[in-house]
Amino acid sequence: MARRWALLITVLIACLGLPTAAFAGAPPLQLVAEPGAGNAPFLAMINGARHSVELTMYELYDTQIEHALAVAEKRGVDVQVLLNGGYYSEHESENAAAYAYLRSHGVQVRYTPSYFALTHQKTLTIVI
């Protein structure tokens, strides 16, 4: 099964015109199923980032994740966080503490635009 996925990924990369050599040392793709996995896989990904971390989050209240984002920023990783701004940007208190913490540690953090009723998204993109 793993060989099939590797072949499929190689074919997709070739179709996109990307050099396959650039992905030769990349770690294998991994599915993280929640809630069983906890935050350990996400902490590992953030701690392993060398270039960038982009997080879009409905509610961010995990202080370990917040700390990992701040540490990544401090070591030179480009960290950008987008937090739900509340119902039509009524800045929910759920994200206020995370926003303040990340901002005070130099992380680029913003609330979602007011033209969205809310952003119920949870996306973590890491460039290692």
Protein backbone atom coordinates (compact mmCIF):
# COMPACT_ATOMS: atom_id res chain seq x y z
CA MET A 1 0.00 0.00 0.00
CA ALA A 2 2.81 2.43 0.86
CA ARG A 3 4.44 1.80 -2.51
CA ARG A 4 1.17 2.62 -4.26
CA TRP A 5 0.95 5.96 -2.45
CA ALA A 6 4.60 6.75 -3.20
CA LEU A 7 3.96 6.00 -6.87
CA LEU A 8 0.78 8.09 -6.88
CA ILE A 9 2.56 11.02 -5.24
CA THR A 10 5.44 10.73 -7.74
CA VAL A 11 2.95 10.70 -10.63
CA LEU A 12 1.14 13.75 -9.22
CA ILE A 13 4.42 15.60 -8.77
CA ALA A 14 5.43 14.73 -12.34
CA CYS A 15 2.07 15.91 -13.65
CA LEU A 16 2.46 19.20 -11.82
CA GLY A 17 5.91 19.65 -13.31
CA LEU A 18 7.65 19.65 -9.94
CA PRO A 19 11.11 18.10 -9.61
CA THR A 20 10.77 14.75 -7.81
CA ALA A 21 14.27 15.11 -6.37
CA ALA A 22 12.97 17.94 -4.20
CA PHE A 23 10.72 15.42 -2.40
CA ALA A 24 13.25 12.58 -2.15
CA GLY A 25 14.09 13.17 1.52
CA ALA A 26 10.60 14.24 2.58
CA PRO A 27 8.99 12.31 5.41
CA PRO A 28 6.10 10.04 4.45
CA LEU A 29 2.59 11.42 4.53
CA GLN A 30 0.68 10.56 7.67
CA LEU A 31 -2.99 10.64 8.57
CA VAL A 32 -3.72 12.08 12.02
CA ALA A 33 -7.10 11.01 13.41
CA GLU A 34 -8.59 13.06 16.18
CA PRO A 35 -9.29 13.08 19.05
CA GLY A 36 -7.30 9.92 19.72
CA ALA A 37 -3.93 11.24 18.59
CA GLY A 38 -4.01 14.24 20.90
CA ASN A 39 -1.77 17.22 20.19
CA ALA A 40 1.54 15.28 20.02
CA PRO A 41 1.55 14.94 16.21
CA PHE A 42 0.86 18.66 15.79
CA LEU A 43 3.53 19.64 18.29
CA ALA A 44 6.02 17.43 16.46
CA MET A 45 5.13 19.05 13.12
CA ILE A 46 5.44 22.59 14.49
CA ASN A 47 8.69 21.75 16.29
CA GLY A 48 10.08 20.23 13.08
CA ALA A 49 9.22 23.17 10.84
CA ARG A 50 12.18 24.99 9.33
CA HIS A 51 10.55 27.39 6.87
CA SER A 52 6.94 28.19 7.71
CA VAL A 53 3.89 27.34 9.80
CA GLU A 54 0.42 28.53 8.84
CA LEU A 55 -2.45 27.88 11.23
CA THR A 56 -6.11 28.76 10.71
CA MET A 57 -8.14 27.94 13.79
CA TYR A 58 -11.71 28.27 14.93
CA GLU A 59 -10.78 28.26 18.63
CA LEU A 60 -7.19 28.14 19.87
CA TYR A 61 -6.95 27.38 23.57
CA ASP A 62 -4.11 24.85 23.78
CA THR A 63 -1.22 26.58 25.53
CA GLN A 64 1.26 23.91 24.39
CA ILE A 65 0.46 24.66 20.76
CA GLU A 66 0.66 28.41 21.43
CA HIS A 67 4.07 27.95 23.06
CA ALA A 68 5.33 25.78 20.17
CA LEU A 69 4.25 28.46 17.69
CA ALA A 70 6.07 31.15 19.68
CA VAL A 71 9.24 29.01 19.90
CA ALA A 72 9.11 28.34 16.16
CA GLU A 73 8.85 32.08 15.49
CA LYS A 74 11.80 32.71 17.80
CA ARG A 75 13.99 30.22 15.93
CA GLY A 76 13.30 31.99 12.63
CA VAL A 77 10.33 30.08 11.22
CA ASP A 78 7.76 32.26 9.45
CA VAL A 79 4.68 31.66 11.64
CA GLN A 80 1.28 33.03 10.60
CA VAL A 81 -1.93 32.41 12.55
CA LEU A 82 -5.47 33.28 11.54
CA LEU A 83 -8.07 33.01 14.32
CA ASN A 84 -11.83 33.09 14.07
CA GLY A 85 -12.89 36.67 14.70
CA GLY A 86 -16.23 35.73 16.16
CA TYR A 87 -19.64 35.97 14.60
CA TYR A 88 -19.15 38.76 12.07
CA SER A 89 -15.93 39.76 13.90
CA GLU A 90 -17.37 40.19 17.39
CA HIS A 91 -13.94 39.05 18.69
CA GLU A 92 -14.83 36.01 20.77
CA SER A 93 -13.20 35.72 24.16
CA GLU A 94 -12.19 32.12 23.28
CA ASN A 95 -9.38 33.44 21.09
CA ALA A 96 -8.45 36.60 22.98
CA ALA A 97 -5.85 34.95 25.22
CA ALA A 98 -4.22 33.07 22.33
CA TYR A 99 -4.20 36.23 20.21
CA ALA A 100 -2.55 38.25 22.98
CA TYR A 101 0.03 35.56 23.77
CA LEU A 102 1.04 35.00 20.16
CA ARG A 103 1.15 38.74 19.41
CA SER A 104 3.36 39.37 22.47
CA HIS A 105 5.79 36.70 21.21
CA GLY A 106 6.18 38.18 17.74
CA VAL A 107 3.91 35.76 15.89
CA GLN A 108 1.94 37.21 12.97
CA VAL A 109 -1.62 36.73 14.18
CA ARG A 110 -4.83 38.13 12.76
CA TYR A 111 -8.57 37.70 13.21
CA THR A 112 -10.61 36.49 10.24
CA PRO A 113 -12.28 39.17 8.11
CA SER A 114 -15.63 40.60 9.18
CA TYR A 115 -17.37 39.57 5.95
CA PHE A 116 -17.31 35.94 7.18
CA ALA A 117 -20.03 35.00 9.63
CA LEU A 118 -17.42 32.79 11.28
CA THR A 119 -14.42 30.70 10.32
CA HIS A 120 -14.95 27.16 11.54
CA GLN A 121 -11.69 25.99 10.02
CA LYS A 122 -8.84 24.01 11.51
CA THR A 123 -5.87 23.89 9.14
CA LEU A 124 -2.16 23.47 9.88
CA THR A 125 0.28 23.82 6.99
CA ILE A 126 3.96 23.16 7.65
CA VAL A 127 6.88 23.68 5.29
CA ILE A 128 9.80 21.71 6.65
